[in-house]
Amino acid sequence: MTDTFTPKELGNGQIANSQTTILTAAASVTTYLKHLSLYNTSATPQTVQLWLKHTAGTARKWKRFVLAQDEQVDVIDPGEAYMLDNGTVVQAMSTTNNVVDWWADGVTEVP
């Protein structure tokens, strides 16, 4: 029996001004986060912080960006992927509520 890999959009939305979960890895599959983009829609520069929290673990700071107006950044370098175990979450926070858009794509693996 072979594993099934399915490319998919993992989520999208806007980042809050408090540390909030934006993405949770699904149960019974392995999720590979391959693309995570941030875009500042505000005229004011935004500081965006990201955390990774594995199941039953503590959220650990992962990345930090300062985005100017209309600036976009790809969080993950091309060719890289982050394996998210069952229940792993990505958390985010920006300076101002709901002005930084995010979207994520990846692959899920079902054994």
PDB file of N, CA and C in Angstrom:
ATOM      1  N   MET A   1       0.845  -1.186   0.000  1.00  0.00           N
ATOM      2  CA  MET A   1       0.000   0.000   0.000  1.00  0.00           C
ATOM      3  C   MET A   1       0.888   1.247   0.000  1.00  0.00           C
ATOM      4  N   THR A   2       0.529   2.228  -0.810  1.00  0.00           N
ATOM      5  CA  THR A   2       1.316   3.445  -0.893  1.00  0.00           C
ATOM      6  C   THR A   2       0.580   4.601  -0.228  1.00  0.00           C
ATOM      7  N   ASP A   3       1.364   5.568   0.207  1.00  0.00           N
ATOM      8  CA  ASP A   3       0.776   6.766   0.807  1.00  0.00           C
ATOM      9  C   ASP A   3       0.158   7.632  -0.280  1.00  0.00           C
ATOM     10  N   THR A   4      -0.848   8.400   0.105  1.00  0.00           N
ATOM     11  CA  THR A   4      -1.500   9.323  -0.814  1.00  0.00           C
ATOM     12  C   THR A   4      -1.126  10.747  -0.436  1.00  0.00           C
ATOM     13  N   PHE A   5      -0.558  11.493  -1.390  1.00  0.00           N
ATOM     14  CA  PHE A   5      -0.178  12.883  -1.168  1.00  0.00           C
ATOM     15  C   PHE A   5      -1.166  13.774  -1.909  1.00  0.00           C
ATOM     16  N   THR A   6      -1.723  14.761  -1.196  1.00  0.00           N
ATOM     17  CA  THR A   6      -2.713  15.645  -1.794  1.00  0.00           C
ATOM     18  C   THR A   6      -2.301  17.105  -1.589  1.00  0.00           C
ATOM     19  N   PRO A   7      -2.001  17.842  -2.693  1.00  0.00           N
ATOM     20  CA  PRO A   7      -1.729  19.268  -2.549  1.00  0.00           C
ATOM     21  C   PRO A   7      -3.022  19.997  -2.197  1.00  0.00           C
ATOM     22  N   LYS A   8      -2.919  20.998  -1.333  1.00  0.00           N
ATOM     23  CA  LYS A   8      -4.136  21.721  -0.961  1.00  0.00           C
ATOM     24  C   LYS A   8      -3.813  23.059  -0.317  1.00  0.00           C
ATOM     25  N   GLU A   9      -4.811  23.942  -0.355  1.00  0.00           N
ATOM     26  CA  GLU A   9      -4.721  25.178   0.413  1.00  0.00           C
ATOM     27  C   GLU A   9      -4.970  24.793   1.862  1.00  0.00           C
ATOM     28  N   LEU A  10      -4.082  25.221   2.746  1.00  0.00           N
ATOM     29  CA  LEU A  10      -4.201  24.880   4.161  1.00  0.00           C
ATOM     30  C   LEU A  10      -4.958  25.934   4.954  1.00  0.00           C
ATOM     31  N   GLY A  11      -5.083  27.124   4.405  1.00  0.00           N
ATOM     32  CA  GLY A  11      -5.847  28.158   5.083  1.00  0.00           C
ATOM     33  C   GLY A  11      -5.478  29.542   4.606  1.00  0.00           C
ATOM     34  N   ASN A  12      -6.278  30.522   5.013  1.00  0.00           N
ATOM     35  CA  ASN A  12      -6.012  31.922   4.699  1.00  0.00           C
ATOM     36  C   ASN A  12      -6.826  32.779   5.650  1.00  0.00           C
ATOM     37  N   GLY A  13      -6.466  34.044   5.746  1.00  0.00           N
ATOM     38  CA  GLY A  13      -7.196  34.959   6.611  1.00  0.00           C
ATOM     39  C   GLY A  13      -6.389  36.207   6.894  1.00  0.00           C
ATOM     40  N   GLN A  14      -6.695  36.836   8.021  1.00  0.00           N
ATOM     41  CA  GLN A  14      -5.968  38.018   8.463  1.00  0.00           C
ATOM     42  C   GLN A  14      -5.453  37.761   9.879  1.00  0.00           C
ATOM     43  N   ILE A  15      -4.326  38.352  10.188  1.00  0.00           N
ATOM     44  CA  ILE A  15      -3.658  38.112  11.463  1.00  0.00           C
ATOM     45  C   ILE A  15      -4.151  39.098  12.515  1.00  0.00           C
ATOM     46  N   ALA A  16      -4.422  38.575  13.712  1.00  0.00           N
ATOM     47  CA  ALA A  16      -4.882  39.392  14.836  1.00  0.00           C
ATOM     48  C   ALA A  16      -3.705  40.110  15.490  1.00  0.00           C
ATOM     49  N   ASN A  17      -4.032  41.041  16.388  1.00  0.00           N
ATOM     50  CA  ASN A  17      -2.984  41.769  17.115  1.00  0.00           C
ATOM     51  C   ASN A  17      -2.691  41.117  18.468  1.00  0.00           C
ATOM     52  N   SER A  18      -3.027  39.845  18.589  1.00  0.00           N
ATOM     53  CA  SER A  18      -2.642  39.034  19.751  1.00  0.00           C
ATOM     54  C   SER A  18      -2.257  37.653  19.228  1.00  0.00           C
ATOM     55  N   GLN A  19      -1.445  36.948  19.983  1.00  0.00           N
ATOM     56  CA  GLN A  19      -0.972  35.639  19.550  1.00  0.00           C
ATOM     57  C   GLN A  19      -2.154  34.690  19.399  1.00  0.00           C
ATOM     58  N   THR A  20      -2.432  34.294  18.153  1.00  0.00           N
ATOM     59  CA  THR A  20      -3.608  33.511  17.817  1.00  0.00           C
ATOM     60  C   THR A  20      -3.242  32.403  16.837  1.00  0.00           C
ATOM     61  N   THR A  21      -3.866  31.254  16.977  1.00  0.00           N
ATOM     62  CA  THR A  21      -3.643  30.149  16.048  1.00  0.00           C
ATOM     63  C   THR A  21      -4.258  30.473  14.692  1.00  0.00           C
ATOM     64  N   ILE A  22      -3.437  30.333  13.642  1.00  0.00           N
ATOM     65  CA  ILE A  22      -3.942  30.553  12.284  1.00  0.00           C
ATOM     66  C   ILE A  22      -4.048  29.247  11.499  1.00  0.00           C
ATOM     67  N   LEU A  23      -3.355  28.207  11.959  1.00  0.00           N
ATOM     68  CA  LEU A  23      -3.326  26.955  11.213  1.00  0.00           C
ATOM     69  C   LEU A  23      -3.113  25.808  12.189  1.00  0.00           C
ATOM     70  N   THR A  24      -3.927  24.759  12.055  1.00  0.00           N
ATOM     71  CA  THR A  24      -3.787  23.559  12.880  1.00  0.00           C
ATOM     72  C   THR A  24      -3.679  22.346  11.969  1.00  0.00           C
ATOM     73  N   ALA A  25      -2.642  21.522  12.186  1.00  0.00           N
ATOM     74  CA  ALA A  25      -2.479  20.305  11.391  1.00  0.00           C
ATOM     75  C   ALA A  25      -3.600  19.327  11.722  1.00  0.00           C
ATOM     76  N   ALA A  26      -4.148  18.733  10.696  1.00  0.00           N
ATOM     77  CA  ALA A  26      -5.267  17.805  10.853  1.00  0.00           C
ATOM     78  C   ALA A  26      -4.820  16.492  11.493  1.00  0.00           C
ATOM     79  N   ALA A  27      -5.769  15.827  12.116  1.00  0.00           N
ATOM     80  CA  ALA A  27      -5.509  14.517  12.706  1.00  0.00           C
ATOM     81  C   ALA A  27      -5.444  13.460  11.605  1.00  0.00           C
ATOM     82  N   SER A  28      -4.733  12.405  11.845  1.00  0.00           N
ATOM     83  CA  SER A  28      -4.632  11.207  11.007  1.00  0.00           C
ATOM     84  C   SER A  28      -3.942  11.437   9.655  1.00  0.00           C
ATOM     85  N   VAL A  29      -3.352  12.599   9.452  1.00  0.00           N
ATOM     86  CA  VAL A  29      -2.550  12.848   8.252  1.00  0.00           C
ATOM     87  C   VAL A  29      -1.278  13.579   8.684  1.00  0.00           C
ATOM     88  N   THR A  30      -0.284  13.513   7.839  1.00  0.00           N
ATOM     89  CA  THR A  30       0.908  14.336   8.042  1.00  0.00           C
ATOM     90  C   THR A  30       0.790  15.507   7.089  1.00  0.00           C
ATOM     91  N   THR A  31       0.982  16.713   7.597  1.00  0.00           N
ATOM     92  CA  THR A  31       0.865  17.919   6.780  1.00  0.00           C
ATOM     93  C   THR A  31       2.246  18.505   6.549  1.00  0.00           C
ATOM     94  N   TYR A  32       2.541  18.820   5.297  1.00  0.00           N
ATOM     95  CA  TYR A  32       3.787  19.489   4.935  1.00  0.00           C
ATOM     96  C   TYR A  32       3.445  20.907   4.510  1.00  0.00           C
ATOM     97  N   LEU A  33       3.848  21.878   5.310  1.00  0.00           N
ATOM     98  CA  LEU A  33       3.635  23.291   5.007  1.00  0.00           C
ATOM     99  C   LEU A  33       4.722  23.723   4.037  1.00  0.00           C
ATOM    100  N   LYS A  34       4.335  24.043   2.800  1.00  0.00           N
ATOM    101  CA  LYS A  34       5.303  24.369   1.763  1.00  0.00           C
ATOM    102  C   LYS A  34       5.312  25.847   1.393  1.00  0.00           C
ATOM    103  N   HIS A  35       4.219  26.547   1.692  1.00  0.00           N
ATOM    104  CA  HIS A  35       4.126  27.957   1.316  1.00  0.00           C
ATOM    105  C   HIS A  35       3.291  28.697   2.345  1.00  0.00           C
ATOM    106  N   LEU A  36       3.844  29.763   2.873  1.00  0.00           N
ATOM    107  CA  LEU A  36       3.116  30.645   3.791  1.00  0.00           C
ATOM    108  C   LEU A  36       3.514  32.064   3.432  1.00  0.00           C
ATOM    109  N   SER A  37       2.544  32.858   2.988  1.00  0.00           N
ATOM    110  CA  SER A  37       2.798  34.241   2.589  1.00  0.00           C
ATOM    111  C   SER A  37       2.088  35.207   3.512  1.00  0.00           C
ATOM    112  N   LEU A  38       2.705  36.360   3.711  1.00  0.00           N
ATOM    113  CA  LEU A  38       2.136  37.451   4.492  1.00  0.00           C
ATOM    114  C   LEU A  38       2.120  38.694   3.620  1.00  0.00           C
ATOM    115  N   TYR A  39       1.060  39.506   3.737  1.00  0.00           N
ATOM    116  CA  TYR A  39       0.936  40.731   2.943  1.00  0.00           C
ATOM    117  C   TYR A  39       0.340  41.831   3.810  1.00  0.00           C
ATOM    118  N   ASN A  40       1.057  42.954   3.919  1.00  0.00           N
ATOM    119  CA  ASN A  40       0.592  44.083   4.725  1.00  0.00           C
ATOM    120  C   ASN A  40      -0.301  45.001   3.893  1.00  0.00           C
ATOM    121  N   THR A  41      -1.583  45.081   4.241  1.00  0.00           N
ATOM    122  CA  THR A  41      -2.532  45.938   3.535  1.00  0.00           C
ATOM    123  C   THR A  41      -2.611  47.337   4.134  1.00  0.00           C
ATOM    124  N   SER A  42      -1.902  47.567   5.242  1.00  0.00           N
ATOM    125  CA  SER A  42      -1.974  48.837   5.972  1.00  0.00           C
ATOM    126  C   SER A  42      -0.933  49.843   5.468  1.00  0.00           C
ATOM    127  N   ALA A  43      -1.223  51.126   5.658  1.00  0.00           N
ATOM    128  CA  ALA A  43      -0.249  52.177   5.344  1.00  0.00           C
ATOM    129  C   ALA A  43       0.839  52.248   6.408  1.00  0.00           C
ATOM    130  N   THR A  44       0.625  51.596   7.527  1.00  0.00           N
ATOM    131  CA  THR A  44       1.570  51.591   8.643  1.00  0.00           C
ATOM    132  C   THR A  44       2.396  50.304   8.615  1.00  0.00           C
ATOM    133  N   PRO A  45       3.706  50.398   8.828  1.00  0.00           N
ATOM    134  CA  PRO A  45       4.512  49.174   8.909  1.00  0.00           C
ATOM    135  C   PRO A  45       3.972  48.239  10.006  1.00  0.00           C
ATOM    136  N   GLN A  46       4.036  46.949   9.741  1.00  0.00           N
ATOM    137  CA  GLN A  46       3.530  45.943  10.673  1.00  0.00           C
ATOM    138  C   GLN A  46       4.647  44.969  11.048  1.00  0.00           C
ATOM    139  N   THR A  47       4.777  44.710  12.339  1.00  0.00           N
ATOM    140  CA  THR A  47       5.677  43.661  12.813  1.00  0.00           C
ATOM    141  C   THR A  47       4.842  42.401  12.984  1.00  0.00           C
ATOM    142  N   VAL A  48       5.252  41.343  12.315  1.00  0.00           N
ATOM    143  CA  VAL A  48       4.532  40.068  12.371  1.00  0.00           C
ATOM    144  C   VAL A  48       5.449  39.037  13.027  1.00  0.00           C
ATOM    145  N   GLN A  49       4.914  38.359  14.035  1.00  0.00           N
ATOM    146  CA  GLN A  49       5.647  37.286  14.701  1.00  0.00           C
ATOM    147  C   GLN A  49       4.904  35.975  14.484  1.00  0.00           C
ATOM    148  N   LEU A  50       5.670  34.905  14.310  1.00  0.00           N
ATOM    149  CA  LEU A  50       5.097  33.572  14.108  1.00  0.00           C
ATOM    150  C   LEU A  50       5.670  32.604  15.145  1.00  0.00           C
ATOM    151  N   TRP A  51       4.832  31.671  15.571  1.00  0.00           N
ATOM    152  CA  TRP A  51       5.224  30.631  16.516  1.00  0.00           C
ATOM    153  C   TRP A  51       4.816  29.274  15.961  1.00  0.00           C
ATOM    154  N   LEU A  52       5.566  28.230  16.341  1.00  0.00           N
ATOM    155  CA  LEU A  52       5.176  26.847  16.100  1.00  0.00           C
ATOM    156  C   LEU A  52       4.930  26.206  17.455  1.00  0.00           C
ATOM    157  N   LYS A  53       3.839  25.459  17.551  1.00  0.00           N
ATOM    158  CA  LYS A  53       3.525  24.767  18.803  1.00  0.00           C
ATOM    159  C   LYS A  53       3.161  23.331  18.478  1.00  0.00           C
ATOM    160  N   HIS A  54       4.027  22.409  18.908  1.00  0.00           N
ATOM    161  CA  HIS A  54       3.748  20.998  18.695  1.00  0.00           C
ATOM    162  C   HIS A  54       2.777  20.513  19.764  1.00  0.00           C
ATOM    163  N   THR A  55       2.089  19.431  19.477  1.00  0.00           N
ATOM    164  CA  THR A  55       1.094  18.872  20.375  1.00  0.00           C
ATOM    165  C   THR A  55       1.639  18.795  21.798  1.00  0.00           C
ATOM    166  N   ALA A  56       0.871  19.322  22.743  1.00  0.00           N
ATOM    167  CA  ALA A  56       1.204  19.303  24.175  1.00  0.00           C
ATOM    168  C   ALA A  56       2.521  20.010  24.486  1.00  0.00           C
ATOM    169  N   GLY A  57       3.001  20.821  23.587  1.00  0.00           N
ATOM    170  CA  GLY A  57       4.250  21.541  23.826  1.00  0.00           C
ATOM    171  C   GLY A  57       4.007  23.023  24.048  1.00  0.00           C
ATOM    172  N   THR A  58       5.084  23.739  24.187  1.00  0.00           N
ATOM    173  CA  THR A  58       5.040  25.184  24.358  1.00  0.00           C
ATOM    174  C   THR A  58       5.251  25.852  23.003  1.00  0.00           C
ATOM    175  N   ALA A  59       4.523  26.921  22.743  1.00  0.00           N
ATOM    176  CA  ALA A  59       4.719  27.669  21.503  1.00  0.00           C
ATOM    177  C   ALA A  59       6.123  28.272  21.507  1.00  0.00           C
ATOM    178  N   ARG A  60       6.844  28.038  20.429  1.00  0.00           N
ATOM    179  CA  ARG A  60       8.213  28.550  20.284  1.00  0.00           C
ATOM    180  C   ARG A  60       8.248  29.565  19.155  1.00  0.00           C
ATOM    181  N   LYS A  61       8.894  30.718  19.420  1.00  0.00           N
ATOM    182  CA  LYS A  61       9.018  31.720  18.359  1.00  0.00           C
ATOM    183  C   LYS A  61       9.737  31.102  17.172  1.00  0.00           C
ATOM    184  N   TRP A  62       9.195  31.388  15.994  1.00  0.00           N
ATOM    185  CA  TRP A  62       9.700  30.780  14.774  1.00  0.00           C
ATOM    186  C   TRP A  62      10.292  31.825  13.834  1.00  0.00           C
ATOM    187  N   LYS A  63       9.523  32.865  13.539  1.00  0.00           N
ATOM    188  CA  LYS A  63       9.977  33.888  12.589  1.00  0.00           C
ATOM    189  C   LYS A  63       9.421  35.244  13.001  1.00  0.00           C
ATOM    190  N   ARG A  64      10.081  36.301  12.514  1.00  0.00           N
ATOM    191  CA  ARG A  64       9.627  37.684  12.757  1.00  0.00           C
ATOM    192  C   ARG A  64       9.939  38.501  11.510  1.00  0.00           C
ATOM    193  N   PHE A  65       8.974  39.320  11.104  1.00  0.00           N
ATOM    194  CA  PHE A  65       9.130  40.169   9.923  1.00  0.00           C
ATOM    195  C   PHE A  65       8.589  41.554  10.223  1.00  0.00           C
ATOM    196  N   VAL A  66       9.174  42.567   9.617  1.00  0.00           N
ATOM    197  CA  VAL A  66       8.612  43.917   9.626  1.00  0.00           C
ATOM    198  C   VAL A  66       8.270  44.223   8.170  1.00  0.00           C
ATOM    199  N   LEU A  67       6.969  44.438   7.917  1.00  0.00           N
ATOM    200  CA  LEU A  67       6.483  44.644   6.561  1.00  0.00           C
ATOM    201  C   LEU A  67       6.042  46.086   6.356  1.00  0.00           C
ATOM    202  N   ALA A  68       6.565  46.723   5.327  1.00  0.00           N
ATOM    203  CA  ALA A  68       6.133  48.066   4.947  1.00  0.00           C
ATOM    204  C   ALA A  68       4.773  47.979   4.253  1.00  0.00           C
ATOM    205  N   GLN A  69       4.168  49.132   3.972  1.00  0.00           N
ATOM    206  CA  GLN A  69       2.891  49.159   3.256  1.00  0.00           C
ATOM    207  C   GLN A  69       3.004  48.379   1.945  1.00  0.00           C
ATOM    208  N   ASP A  70       2.023  47.517   1.666  1.00  0.00           N
ATOM    209  CA  ASP A  70       1.946  46.718   0.444  1.00  0.00           C
ATOM    210  C   ASP A  70       3.131  45.771   0.259  1.00  0.00           C
ATOM    211  N   GLU A  71       3.841  45.466   1.334  1.00  0.00           N
ATOM    212  CA  GLU A  71       4.948  44.520   1.230  1.00  0.00           C
ATOM    213  C   GLU A  71       4.454  43.099   1.498  1.00  0.00           C
ATOM    214  N   GLN A  72       5.001  42.171   0.734  1.00  0.00           N
ATOM    215  CA  GLN A  72       4.666  40.757   0.846  1.00  0.00           C
ATOM    216  C   GLN A  72       5.942  39.982   1.119  1.00  0.00           C
ATOM    217  N   VAL A  73       5.827  38.916   1.923  1.00  0.00           N
ATOM    218  CA  VAL A  73       6.981  38.060   2.197  1.00  0.00           C
ATOM    219  C   VAL A  73       6.536  36.602   2.171  1.00  0.00           C
ATOM    220  N   ASP A  74       7.399  35.760   1.607  1.00  0.00           N
ATOM    221  CA  ASP A  74       7.203  34.318   1.677  1.00  0.00           C
ATOM    222  C   ASP A  74       8.000  33.825   2.880  1.00  0.00           C
ATOM    223  N   VAL A  75       7.312  33.211   3.813  1.00  0.00           N
ATOM    224  CA  VAL A  75       7.924  32.773   5.067  1.00  0.00           C
ATOM    225  C   VAL A  75       8.843  31.575   4.846  1.00  0.00           C
ATOM    226  N   ILE A  76       8.479  30.706   3.912  1.00  0.00           N
ATOM    227  CA  ILE A  76       9.226  29.475   3.668  1.00  0.00           C
ATOM    228  C   ILE A  76       9.953  29.591   2.340  1.00  0.00           C
ATOM    229  N   ASP A  77      11.243  29.298   2.352  1.00  0.00           N
ATOM    230  CA  ASP A  77      12.040  29.374   1.125  1.00  0.00           C
ATOM    231  C   ASP A  77      11.598  28.309   0.122  1.00  0.00           C
ATOM    232  N   PRO A  78      11.713  28.599  -1.176  1.00  0.00           N
ATOM    233  CA  PRO A  78      11.341  27.615  -2.194  1.00  0.00           C
ATOM    234  C   PRO A  78      12.120  26.309  -1.981  1.00  0.00           C
ATOM    235  N   GLY A  79      11.409  25.206  -2.115  1.00  0.00           N
ATOM    236  CA  GLY A  79      12.035  23.902  -1.946  1.00  0.00           C
ATOM    237  C   GLY A  79      12.028  23.389  -0.515  1.00  0.00           C
ATOM    238  N   GLU A  80      11.717  24.255   0.455  1.00  0.00           N
ATOM    239  CA  GLU A  80      11.632  23.828   1.849  1.00  0.00           C
ATOM    240  C   GLU A  80      10.208  23.425   2.188  1.00  0.00           C
ATOM    241  N   ALA A  81      10.080  22.663   3.256  1.00  0.00           N
ATOM    242  CA  ALA A  81       8.770  22.293   3.780  1.00  0.00           C
ATOM    243  C   ALA A  81       8.916  22.041   5.275  1.00  0.00           C
ATOM    244  N   TYR A  82       7.882  22.329   6.016  1.00  0.00           N
ATOM    245  CA  TYR A  82       7.839  22.051   7.449  1.00  0.00           C
ATOM    246  C   TYR A  82       6.806  20.962   7.684  1.00  0.00           C
ATOM    247  N   MET A  83       7.247  19.875   8.323  1.00  0.00           N
ATOM    248  CA  MET A  83       6.330  18.790   8.638  1.00  0.00           C
ATOM    249  C   MET A  83       5.579  19.149   9.914  1.00  0.00           C
ATOM    250  N   LEU A  84       4.263  19.151   9.819  1.00  0.00           N
ATOM    251  CA  LEU A  84       3.419  19.462  10.966  1.00  0.00           C
ATOM    252  C   LEU A  84       2.739  18.180  11.422  1.00  0.00           C
ATOM    253  N   ASP A  85       3.094  17.728  12.622  1.00  0.00           N
ATOM    254  CA  ASP A  85       2.486  16.528  13.192  1.00  0.00           C
ATOM    255  C   ASP A  85       1.039  16.792  13.548  1.00  0.00           C
ATOM    256  N   ASN A  86       0.320  15.735  13.848  1.00  0.00           N
ATOM    257  CA  ASN A  86      -1.067  15.811  14.302  1.00  0.00           C
ATOM    258  C   ASN A  86      -1.193  16.810  15.453  1.00  0.00           C
ATOM    259  N   GLY A  87      -1.941  17.859  15.246  1.00  0.00           N
ATOM    260  CA  GLY A  87      -2.182  18.843  16.296  1.00  0.00           C
ATOM    261  C   GLY A  87      -1.196  19.993  16.369  1.00  0.00           C
ATOM    262  N   THR A  88      -0.132  19.975  15.559  1.00  0.00           N
ATOM    263  CA  THR A  88       0.801  21.100  15.542  1.00  0.00           C
ATOM    264  C   THR A  88       0.071  22.343  15.047  1.00  0.00           C
ATOM    265  N   VAL A  89       0.329  23.471  15.686  1.00  0.00           N
ATOM    266  CA  VAL A  89      -0.313  24.712  15.263  1.00  0.00           C
ATOM    267  C   VAL A  89       0.723  25.769  14.904  1.00  0.00           C
ATOM    268  N   VAL A  90       0.317  26.639  13.995  1.00  0.00           N
ATOM    269  CA  VAL A  90       1.075  27.841  13.665  1.00  0.00           C
ATOM    270  C   VAL A  90       0.289  28.998  14.257  1.00  0.00           C
ATOM    271  N   GLN A  91       0.970  29.820  15.039  1.00  0.00           N
ATOM    272  CA  GLN A  91       0.337  30.991  15.640  1.00  0.00           C
ATOM    273  C   GLN A  91       0.989  32.245  15.083  1.00  0.00           C
ATOM    274  N   ALA A  92       0.228  33.341  15.063  1.00  0.00           N
ATOM    275  CA  ALA A  92       0.733  34.597  14.505  1.00  0.00           C
ATOM    276  C   ALA A  92       0.180  35.784  15.278  1.00  0.00           C
ATOM    277  N   MET A  93       0.881  36.914  15.160  1.00  0.00           N
ATOM    278  CA  MET A  93       0.440  38.178  15.757  1.00  0.00           C
ATOM    279  C   MET A  93       1.051  39.313  14.945  1.00  0.00           C
ATOM    280  N   SER A  94       0.266  40.363  14.685  1.00  0.00           N
ATOM    281  CA  SER A  94       0.803  41.551  14.023  1.00  0.00           C
ATOM    282  C   SER A  94       0.535  42.778  14.882  1.00  0.00           C
ATOM    283  N   THR A  95       1.143  43.877  14.520  1.00  0.00           N
ATOM    284  CA  THR A  95       1.010  45.119  15.280  1.00  0.00           C
ATOM    285  C   THR A  95      -0.436  45.578  15.353  1.00  0.00           C
ATOM    286  N   THR A  96      -1.119  45.543  14.215  1.00  0.00           N
ATOM    287  CA  THR A  96      -2.492  46.034  14.117  1.00  0.00           C
ATOM    288  C   THR A  96      -3.406  44.877  13.734  1.00  0.00           C
ATOM    289  N   ASN A  97      -4.587  44.845  14.326  1.00  0.00           N
ATOM    290  CA  ASN A  97      -5.546  43.776  14.080  1.00  0.00           C
ATOM    291  C   ASN A  97      -6.060  43.782  12.641  1.00  0.00           C
ATOM    292  N   ASN A  98      -6.046  42.624  12.007  1.00  0.00           N
ATOM    293  CA  ASN A  98      -6.696  42.384  10.711  1.00  0.00           C
ATOM    294  C   ASN A  98      -6.245  43.275   9.559  1.00  0.00           C
ATOM    295  N   VAL A  99      -4.945  43.542   9.463  1.00  0.00           N
ATOM    296  CA  VAL A  99      -4.433  44.275   8.298  1.00  0.00           C
ATOM    297  C   VAL A  99      -3.361  43.488   7.543  1.00  0.00           C
ATOM    298  N   VAL A 100      -2.894  42.380   8.119  1.00  0.00           N
ATOM    299  CA  VAL A 100      -1.923  41.527   7.435  1.00  0.00           C
ATOM    300  C   VAL A 100      -2.647  40.260   6.976  1.00  0.00           C
ATOM    301  N   ASP A 101      -2.714  40.083   5.655  1.00  0.00           N
ATOM    302  CA  ASP A 101      -3.318  38.888   5.077  1.00  0.00           C
ATOM    303  C   ASP A 101      -2.304  37.748   5.103  1.00  0.00           C
ATOM    304  N   TRP A 102      -2.786  36.532   5.261  1.00  0.00           N
ATOM    305  CA  TRP A 102      -1.926  35.354   5.169  1.00  0.00           C
ATOM    306  C   TRP A 102      -2.632  34.276   4.359  1.00  0.00           C
ATOM    307  N   TRP A 103      -1.844  33.423   3.724  1.00  0.00           N
ATOM    308  CA  TRP A 103      -2.377  32.245   3.064  1.00  0.00           C
ATOM    309  C   TRP A 103      -1.296  31.173   3.048  1.00  0.00           C
ATOM    310  N   ALA A 104      -1.733  29.919   3.149  1.00  0.00           N
ATOM    311  CA  ALA A 104      -0.812  28.796   3.255  1.00  0.00           C
ATOM    312  C   ALA A 104      -1.236  27.659   2.340  1.00  0.00           C
ATOM    313  N   ASP A 105      -0.265  27.026   1.721  1.00  0.00           N
ATOM    314  CA  ASP A 105      -0.472  25.859   0.879  1.00  0.00           C
ATOM    315  C   ASP A 105       0.482  24.769   1.317  1.00  0.00           C
ATOM    316  N   GLY A 106       0.130  23.547   1.016  1.00  0.00           N
ATOM    317  CA  GLY A 106       1.012  22.453   1.360  1.00  0.00           C
ATOM    318  C   GLY A 106       0.507  21.149   0.788  1.00  0.00           C
ATOM    319  N   VAL A 107       0.954  20.076   1.409  1.00  0.00           N
ATOM    320  CA  VAL A 107       0.607  18.738   0.983  1.00  0.00           C
ATOM    321  C   VAL A 107       0.239  17.936   2.221  1.00  0.00           C
ATOM    322  N   THR A 108      -0.823  17.142   2.125  1.00  0.00           N
ATOM    323  CA  THR A 108      -1.138  16.222   3.204  1.00  0.00           C
ATOM    324  C   THR A 108      -0.820  14.805   2.721  1.00  0.00           C
ATOM    325  N   GLU A 109      -0.346  13.995   3.666  1.00  0.00           N
ATOM    326  CA  GLU A 109       0.011  12.611   3.385  1.00  0.00           C
ATOM    327  C   GLU A 109      -0.858  11.692   4.222  1.00  0.00           C
ATOM    328  N   VAL A 110      -1.575  10.807   3.549  1.00  0.00           N
ATOM    329  CA  VAL A 110      -2.413   9.837   4.245  1.00  0.00           C
ATOM    330  C   VAL A 110      -1.760   8.468   4.052  1.00  0.00           C
ATOM    331  N   PRO A 111      -1.424   7.790   5.161  1.00  0.00           N
ATOM    332  CA  PRO A 111      -0.777   6.475   5.020  1.00  0.00           C
ATOM    333  C   PRO A 111      -1.736   5.435   4.459  1.00  0.00           C
TER     334      PRO A 111
END
